[in-house]
Amino acid sequence: MTSEHTTADDIVYDLISIQYHALKGAEVYDRYIEDAHEHSDVVEFIRRVKEEDDRRAQEAHELLRDLTKKGEGIG
């Protein structure tokens, strides 16, 4: 028996991928901040990027939650 691949499967996969990569990026930014500790402008830039990735991961999480609550992402 084969299972059918749906657009909803793609959406869930894509959101999980976005969340994963945003979280992995945020994980390394602390090291980048340490590397740039003498360059406040670079540190500030990296902090902004980290915050953006944190927000992106959170939004992907919320979208996944909403999709699976509705049953749209299961399929």
PDB file of N, CA and C in Angstrom:
ATOM      1  N   MET A   1       0.845  -1.177   0.000  1.00  0.00           N
ATOM      2  CA  MET A   1       0.000   0.000   0.000  1.00  0.00           C
ATOM      3  C   MET A   1       0.893   1.242   0.000  1.00  0.00           C
ATOM      4  N   THR A   2       0.614   2.145  -0.882  1.00  0.00           N
ATOM      5  CA  THR A   2       1.384   3.386  -0.939  1.00  0.00           C
ATOM      6  C   THR A   2       0.558   4.517  -0.367  1.00  0.00           C
ATOM      7  N   SER A   3       1.244   5.454   0.222  1.00  0.00           N
ATOM      8  CA  SER A   3       0.526   6.613   0.743  1.00  0.00           C
ATOM      9  C   SER A   3       0.662   7.746  -0.252  1.00  0.00           C
ATOM     10  N   GLU A   4      -0.389   8.506  -0.362  1.00  0.00           N
ATOM     11  CA  GLU A   4      -0.386   9.631  -1.279  1.00  0.00           C
ATOM     12  C   GLU A   4       0.304  10.824  -0.659  1.00  0.00           C
ATOM     13  N   HIS A   5       1.105  11.474  -1.460  1.00  0.00           N
ATOM     14  CA  HIS A   5       1.803  12.689  -1.032  1.00  0.00           C
ATOM     15  C   HIS A   5       0.898  13.875  -1.369  1.00  0.00           C
ATOM     16  N   THR A   6       0.673  14.746  -0.404  1.00  0.00           N
ATOM     17  CA  THR A   6      -0.233  15.873  -0.624  1.00  0.00           C
ATOM     18  C   THR A   6       0.496  17.203  -0.504  1.00  0.00           C
ATOM     19  N   THR A   7      -0.158  18.234  -0.983  1.00  0.00           N
ATOM     20  CA  THR A   7       0.368  19.589  -0.826  1.00  0.00           C
ATOM     21  C   THR A   7       0.507  19.935   0.646  1.00  0.00           C
ATOM     22  N   ALA A   8      -0.422  19.455   1.462  1.00  0.00           N
ATOM     23  CA  ALA A   8      -0.342  19.705   2.908  1.00  0.00           C
ATOM     24  C   ALA A   8       0.935  19.109   3.484  1.00  0.00           C
ATOM     25  N   ASP A   9       1.338  17.931   2.978  1.00  0.00           N
ATOM     26  CA  ASP A   9       2.600  17.332   3.426  1.00  0.00           C
ATOM     27  C   ASP A   9       3.765  18.256   3.108  1.00  0.00           C
ATOM     28  N   ASP A  10       3.753  18.840   1.915  1.00  0.00           N
ATOM     29  CA  ASP A  10       4.814  19.770   1.518  1.00  0.00           C
ATOM     30  C   ASP A  10       4.847  20.986   2.433  1.00  0.00           C
ATOM     31  N   ILE A  11       3.685  21.516   2.747  1.00  0.00           N
ATOM     32  CA  ILE A  11       3.609  22.704   3.601  1.00  0.00           C
ATOM     33  C   ILE A  11       4.175  22.398   4.983  1.00  0.00           C
ATOM     34  N   VAL A  12       3.788  21.280   5.550  1.00  0.00           N
ATOM     35  CA  VAL A  12       4.297  20.900   6.871  1.00  0.00           C
ATOM     36  C   VAL A  12       5.803  20.711   6.812  1.00  0.00           C
ATOM     37  N   TYR A  13       6.280  19.996   5.802  1.00  0.00           N
ATOM     38  CA  TYR A  13       7.724  19.785   5.648  1.00  0.00           C
ATOM     39  C   TYR A  13       8.453  21.118   5.532  1.00  0.00           C
ATOM     40  N   ASP A  14       7.926  22.012   4.707  1.00  0.00           N
ATOM     41  CA  ASP A  14       8.567  23.315   4.499  1.00  0.00           C
ATOM     42  C   ASP A  14       8.630  24.115   5.793  1.00  0.00           C
ATOM     43  N   LEU A  15       7.539  24.136   6.537  1.00  0.00           N
ATOM     44  CA  LEU A  15       7.526  24.879   7.798  1.00  0.00           C
ATOM     45  C   LEU A  15       8.489  24.277   8.818  1.00  0.00           C
ATOM     46  N   ILE A  16       8.541  22.954   8.873  1.00  0.00           N
ATOM     47  CA  ILE A  16       9.494  22.307   9.780  1.00  0.00           C
ATOM     48  C   ILE A  16      10.918  22.646   9.371  1.00  0.00           C
ATOM     49  N   SER A  17      11.179  22.645   8.072  1.00  0.00           N
ATOM     50  CA  SER A  17      12.515  22.981   7.574  1.00  0.00           C
ATOM     51  C   SER A  17      12.885  24.423   7.909  1.00  0.00           C
ATOM     52  N   ILE A  18      11.961  25.340   7.712  1.00  0.00           N
ATOM     53  CA  ILE A  18      12.204  26.748   8.048  1.00  0.00           C
ATOM     54  C   ILE A  18      12.497  26.883   9.535  1.00  0.00           C
ATOM     55  N   GLN A  19      11.694  26.228  10.357  1.00  0.00           N
ATOM     56  CA  GLN A  19      11.898  26.295  11.804  1.00  0.00           C
ATOM     57  C   GLN A  19      13.250  25.702  12.188  1.00  0.00           C
ATOM     58  N   TYR A  20      13.584  24.562  11.641  1.00  0.00           N
ATOM     59  CA  TYR A  20      14.854  23.898  11.950  1.00  0.00           C
ATOM     60  C   TYR A  20      16.042  24.793  11.607  1.00  0.00           C
ATOM     61  N   HIS A  21      16.041  25.329  10.398  1.00  0.00           N
ATOM     62  CA  HIS A  21      17.179  26.140   9.964  1.00  0.00           C
ATOM     63  C   HIS A  21      17.276  27.450  10.741  1.00  0.00           C
ATOM     64  N   ALA A  22      16.145  28.025  11.095  1.00  0.00           N
ATOM     65  CA  ALA A  22      16.171  29.244  11.914  1.00  0.00           C
ATOM     66  C   ALA A  22      16.749  28.945  13.293  1.00  0.00           C
ATOM     67  N   LEU A  23      16.360  27.824  13.873  1.00  0.00           N
ATOM     68  CA  LEU A  23      16.882  27.458  15.195  1.00  0.00           C
ATOM     69  C   LEU A  23      18.365  27.102  15.137  1.00  0.00           C
ATOM     70  N   LYS A  24      18.790  26.411  14.096  1.00  0.00           N
ATOM     71  CA  LYS A  24      20.210  26.071  13.954  1.00  0.00           C
ATOM     72  C   LYS A  24      21.039  27.337  13.773  1.00  0.00           C
ATOM     73  N   GLY A  25      20.529  28.290  13.005  1.00  0.00           N
ATOM     74  CA  GLY A  25      21.241  29.552  12.829  1.00  0.00           C
ATOM     75  C   GLY A  25      21.377  30.292  14.139  1.00  0.00           C
ATOM     76  N   ALA A  26      20.290  30.368  14.867  1.00  0.00           N
ATOM     77  CA  ALA A  26      20.311  31.076  16.148  1.00  0.00           C
ATOM     78  C   ALA A  26      21.292  30.425  17.117  1.00  0.00           C
ATOM     79  N   GLU A  27      21.479  29.132  16.977  1.00  0.00           N
ATOM     80  CA  GLU A  27      22.385  28.388  17.850  1.00  0.00           C
ATOM     81  C   GLU A  27      23.844  28.831  17.680  1.00  0.00           C
ATOM     82  N   VAL A  28      24.245  29.184  16.479  1.00  0.00           N
ATOM     83  CA  VAL A  28      25.653  29.542  16.238  1.00  0.00           C
ATOM     84  C   VAL A  28      25.931  31.036  16.395  1.00  0.00           C
ATOM     85  N   TYR A  29      24.878  31.840  16.455  1.00  0.00           N
ATOM     86  CA  TYR A  29      25.096  33.287  16.502  1.00  0.00           C
ATOM     87  C   TYR A  29      25.842  33.742  17.743  1.00  0.00           C
ATOM     88  N   ASP A  30      25.677  33.047  18.859  1.00  0.00           N
ATOM     89  CA  ASP A  30      26.413  33.430  20.069  1.00  0.00           C
ATOM     90  C   ASP A  30      27.922  33.331  19.838  1.00  0.00           C
ATOM     91  N   ARG A  31      28.331  32.308  19.110  1.00  0.00           N
ATOM     92  CA  ARG A  31      29.757  32.175  18.788  1.00  0.00           C
ATOM     93  C   ARG A  31      30.199  33.319  17.878  1.00  0.00           C
ATOM     94  N   TYR A  32      29.358  33.665  16.919  1.00  0.00           N
ATOM     95  CA  TYR A  32      29.696  34.771  16.021  1.00  0.00           C
ATOM     96  C   TYR A  32      29.816  36.078  16.800  1.00  0.00           C
ATOM     97  N   ILE A  33      28.936  36.260  17.777  1.00  0.00           N
ATOM     98  CA  ILE A  33      28.978  37.469  18.608  1.00  0.00           C
ATOM     99  C   ILE A  33      30.278  37.508  19.400  1.00  0.00           C
ATOM    100  N   GLU A  34      30.681  36.371  19.932  1.00  0.00           N
ATOM    101  CA  GLU A  34      31.967  36.313  20.643  1.00  0.00           C
ATOM    102  C   GLU A  34      33.120  36.668  19.712  1.00  0.00           C
ATOM    103  N   ASP A  35      33.095  36.141  18.498  1.00  0.00           N
ATOM    104  CA  ASP A  35      34.157  36.428  17.527  1.00  0.00           C
ATOM    105  C   ASP A  35      34.248  37.921  17.218  1.00  0.00           C
ATOM    106  N   ALA A  36      33.107  38.597  17.222  1.00  0.00           N
ATOM    107  CA  ALA A  36      33.061  40.008  16.824  1.00  0.00           C
ATOM    108  C   ALA A  36      33.024  40.950  18.016  1.00  0.00           C
ATOM    109  N   HIS A  37      33.364  40.476  19.197  1.00  0.00           N
ATOM    110  CA  HIS A  37      33.171  41.252  20.429  1.00  0.00           C
ATOM    111  C   HIS A  37      33.823  42.635  20.400  1.00  0.00           C
ATOM    112  N   GLU A  38      34.827  42.838  19.598  1.00  0.00           N
ATOM    113  CA  GLU A  38      35.483  44.153  19.535  1.00  0.00           C
ATOM    114  C   GLU A  38      34.871  45.080  18.480  1.00  0.00           C
ATOM    115  N   HIS A  39      33.856  44.603  17.802  1.00  0.00           N
ATOM    116  CA  HIS A  39      33.234  45.383  16.723  1.00  0.00           C
ATOM    117  C   HIS A  39      31.739  45.508  17.006  1.00  0.00           C
ATOM    118  N   SER A  40      31.382  46.536  17.731  1.00  0.00           N
ATOM    119  CA  SER A  40      30.001  46.674  18.211  1.00  0.00           C
ATOM    120  C   SER A  40      28.983  46.713  17.075  1.00  0.00           C
ATOM    121  N   ASP A  41      29.349  47.290  15.935  1.00  0.00           N
ATOM    122  CA  ASP A  41      28.410  47.335  14.819  1.00  0.00           C
ATOM    123  C   ASP A  41      28.119  45.933  14.280  1.00  0.00           C
ATOM    124  N   VAL A  42      29.137  45.088  14.235  1.00  0.00           N
ATOM    125  CA  VAL A  42      28.950  43.711  13.773  1.00  0.00           C
ATOM    126  C   VAL A  42      28.149  42.918  14.811  1.00  0.00           C
ATOM    127  N   VAL A  43      28.460  43.113  16.079  1.00  0.00           N
ATOM    128  CA  VAL A  43      27.723  42.436  17.151  1.00  0.00           C
ATOM    129  C   VAL A  43      26.246  42.799  17.073  1.00  0.00           C
ATOM    130  N   GLU A  44      25.955  44.077  16.888  1.00  0.00           N
ATOM    131  CA  GLU A  44      24.563  44.520  16.797  1.00  0.00           C
ATOM    132  C   GLU A  44      23.865  43.892  15.594  1.00  0.00           C
ATOM    133  N   PHE A  45      24.546  43.817  14.466  1.00  0.00           N
ATOM    134  CA  PHE A  45      23.983  43.185  13.273  1.00  0.00           C
ATOM    135  C   PHE A  45      23.654  41.714  13.544  1.00  0.00           C
ATOM    136  N   ILE A  46      24.595  40.989  14.136  1.00  0.00           N
ATOM    137  CA  ILE A  46      24.387  39.565  14.406  1.00  0.00           C
ATOM    138  C   ILE A  46      23.241  39.377  15.400  1.00  0.00           C
ATOM    139  N   ARG A  47      23.136  40.243  16.375  1.00  0.00           N
ATOM    140  CA  ARG A  47      22.015  40.154  17.330  1.00  0.00           C
ATOM    141  C   ARG A  47      20.676  40.352  16.628  1.00  0.00           C
ATOM    142  N   ARG A  48      20.634  41.293  15.693  1.00  0.00           N
ATOM    143  CA  ARG A  48      19.388  41.508  14.940  1.00  0.00           C
ATOM    144  C   ARG A  48      19.035  40.276  14.107  1.00  0.00           C
ATOM    145  N   VAL A  49      20.045  39.700  13.463  1.00  0.00           N
ATOM    146  CA  VAL A  49      19.814  38.501  12.659  1.00  0.00           C
ATOM    147  C   VAL A  49      19.306  37.362  13.547  1.00  0.00           C
ATOM    148  N   LYS A  50      19.902  37.211  14.717  1.00  0.00           N
ATOM    149  CA  LYS A  50      19.479  36.169  15.660  1.00  0.00           C
ATOM    150  C   LYS A  50      18.030  36.387  16.082  1.00  0.00           C
ATOM    151  N   GLU A  51      17.671  37.627  16.386  1.00  0.00           N
ATOM    152  CA  GLU A  51      16.289  37.934  16.774  1.00  0.00           C
ATOM    153  C   GLU A  51      15.319  37.618  15.640  1.00  0.00           C
ATOM    154  N   GLU A  52      15.716  37.934  14.401  1.00  0.00           N
ATOM    155  CA  GLU A  52      14.866  37.627  13.249  1.00  0.00           C
ATOM    156  C   GLU A  52      14.662  36.122  13.114  1.00  0.00           C
ATOM    157  N   ASP A  53      15.738  35.356  13.290  1.00  0.00           N
ATOM    158  CA  ASP A  53      15.616  33.902  13.212  1.00  0.00           C
ATOM    159  C   ASP A  53      14.771  33.358  14.359  1.00  0.00           C
ATOM    160  N   ASP A  54      14.911  33.926  15.541  1.00  0.00           N
ATOM    161  CA  ASP A  54      14.072  33.512  16.673  1.00  0.00           C
ATOM    162  C   ASP A  54      12.595  33.742  16.354  1.00  0.00           C
ATOM    163  N   ARG A  55      12.285  34.913  15.793  1.00  0.00           N
ATOM    164  CA  ARG A  55      10.894  35.224  15.428  1.00  0.00           C
ATOM    165  C   ARG A  55      10.405  34.293  14.315  1.00  0.00           C
ATOM    166  N   ARG A  56      11.267  34.039  13.340  1.00  0.00           N
ATOM    167  CA  ARG A  56      10.912  33.160  12.226  1.00  0.00           C
ATOM    168  C   ARG A  56      10.600  31.749  12.739  1.00  0.00           C
ATOM    169  N   ALA A  57      11.423  31.237  13.631  1.00  0.00           N
ATOM    170  CA  ALA A  57      11.193  29.900  14.194  1.00  0.00           C
ATOM    171  C   ALA A  57       9.880  29.864  14.976  1.00  0.00           C
ATOM    172  N   GLN A  58       9.614  30.900  15.744  1.00  0.00           N
ATOM    173  CA  GLN A  58       8.380  30.963  16.528  1.00  0.00           C
ATOM    174  C   GLN A  58       7.158  31.025  15.619  1.00  0.00           C
ATOM    175  N   GLU A  59       7.228  31.829  14.564  1.00  0.00           N
ATOM    176  CA  GLU A  59       6.091  31.933  13.653  1.00  0.00           C
ATOM    177  C   GLU A  59       5.849  30.611  12.928  1.00  0.00           C
ATOM    178  N   ALA A  60       6.912  29.941  12.502  1.00  0.00           N
ATOM    179  CA  ALA A  60       6.763  28.634  11.857  1.00  0.00           C
ATOM    180  C   ALA A  60       6.109  27.650  12.825  1.00  0.00           C
ATOM    181  N   HIS A  61       6.526  27.691  14.077  1.00  0.00           N
ATOM    182  CA  HIS A  61       5.949  26.819  15.107  1.00  0.00           C
ATOM    183  C   HIS A  61       4.446  27.081  15.260  1.00  0.00           C
ATOM    184  N   GLU A  62       4.077  28.346  15.302  1.00  0.00           N
ATOM    185  CA  GLU A  62       2.663  28.707  15.457  1.00  0.00           C
ATOM    186  C   GLU A  62       1.846  28.272  14.244  1.00  0.00           C
ATOM    187  N   LEU A  63       2.400  28.448  13.053  1.00  0.00           N
ATOM    188  CA  LEU A  63       1.697  28.019  11.842  1.00  0.00           C
ATOM    189  C   LEU A  63       1.518  26.502  11.818  1.00  0.00           C
ATOM    190  N   LEU A  64       2.558  25.780  12.216  1.00  0.00           N
ATOM    191  CA  LEU A  64       2.451  24.319  12.293  1.00  0.00           C
ATOM    192  C   LEU A  64       1.380  23.900  13.290  1.00  0.00           C
ATOM    193  N   ARG A  65       1.366  24.550  14.432  1.00  0.00           N
ATOM    194  CA  ARG A  65       0.360  24.243  15.453  1.00  0.00           C
ATOM    195  C   ARG A  65      -1.044  24.478  14.896  1.00  0.00           C
ATOM    196  N   ASP A  66      -1.227  25.614  14.235  1.00  0.00           N
ATOM    197  CA  ASP A  66      -2.543  25.937  13.693  1.00  0.00           C
ATOM    198  C   ASP A  66      -2.962  24.949  12.606  1.00  0.00           C
ATOM    199  N   LEU A  67      -2.025  24.583  11.736  1.00  0.00           N
ATOM    200  CA  LEU A  67      -2.345  23.630  10.671  1.00  0.00           C
ATOM    201  C   LEU A  67      -2.728  22.268  11.233  1.00  0.00           C
ATOM    202  N   THR A  68      -1.983  21.807  12.207  1.00  0.00           N
ATOM    203  CA  THR A  68      -2.271  20.481  12.740  1.00  0.00           C
ATOM    204  C   THR A  68      -3.530  20.479  13.603  1.00  0.00           C
ATOM    205  N   LYS A  69      -3.840  21.602  14.237  1.00  0.00           N
ATOM    206  CA  LYS A  69      -5.102  21.712  14.990  1.00  0.00           C
ATOM    207  C   LYS A  69      -6.292  21.561  14.054  1.00  0.00           C
ATOM    208  N   LYS A  70      -6.193  22.205  12.893  1.00  0.00           N
ATOM    209  CA  LYS A  70      -7.279  22.179  11.924  1.00  0.00           C
ATOM    210  C   LYS A  70      -7.311  20.871  11.145  1.00  0.00           C
ATOM    211  N   GLY A  71      -6.231  20.108  11.214  1.00  0.00           N
ATOM    212  CA  GLY A  71      -6.164  18.873  10.449  1.00  0.00           C
ATOM    213  C   GLY A  71      -5.728  19.081   9.020  1.00  0.00           C
ATOM    214  N   GLU A  72      -5.428  20.326   8.649  1.00  0.00           N
ATOM    215  CA  GLU A  72      -5.052  20.625   7.271  1.00  0.00           C
ATOM    216  C   GLU A  72      -3.661  20.115   6.939  1.00  0.00           C
ATOM    217  N   GLY A  73      -2.805  20.031   7.930  1.00  0.00           N
ATOM    218  CA  GLY A  73      -1.436  19.631   7.664  1.00  0.00           C
ATOM    219  C   GLY A  73      -1.228  18.139   7.768  1.00  0.00           C
ATOM    220  N   ILE A  74      -2.282  17.435   7.997  1.00  0.00           N
ATOM    221  CA  ILE A  74      -2.154  15.999   8.167  1.00  0.00           C
ATOM    222  C   ILE A  74      -2.740  15.337   6.939  1.00  0.00           C
ATOM    223  N   GLY A  75      -1.889  14.559   6.304  1.00  0.00           N
ATOM    224  CA  GLY A  75      -2.531  14.050   5.205  1.00  0.00           C
ATOM    225  C   GLY A  75      -2.112  13.199   4.226  1.00  0.00           C
TER     226      GLY A  75
END
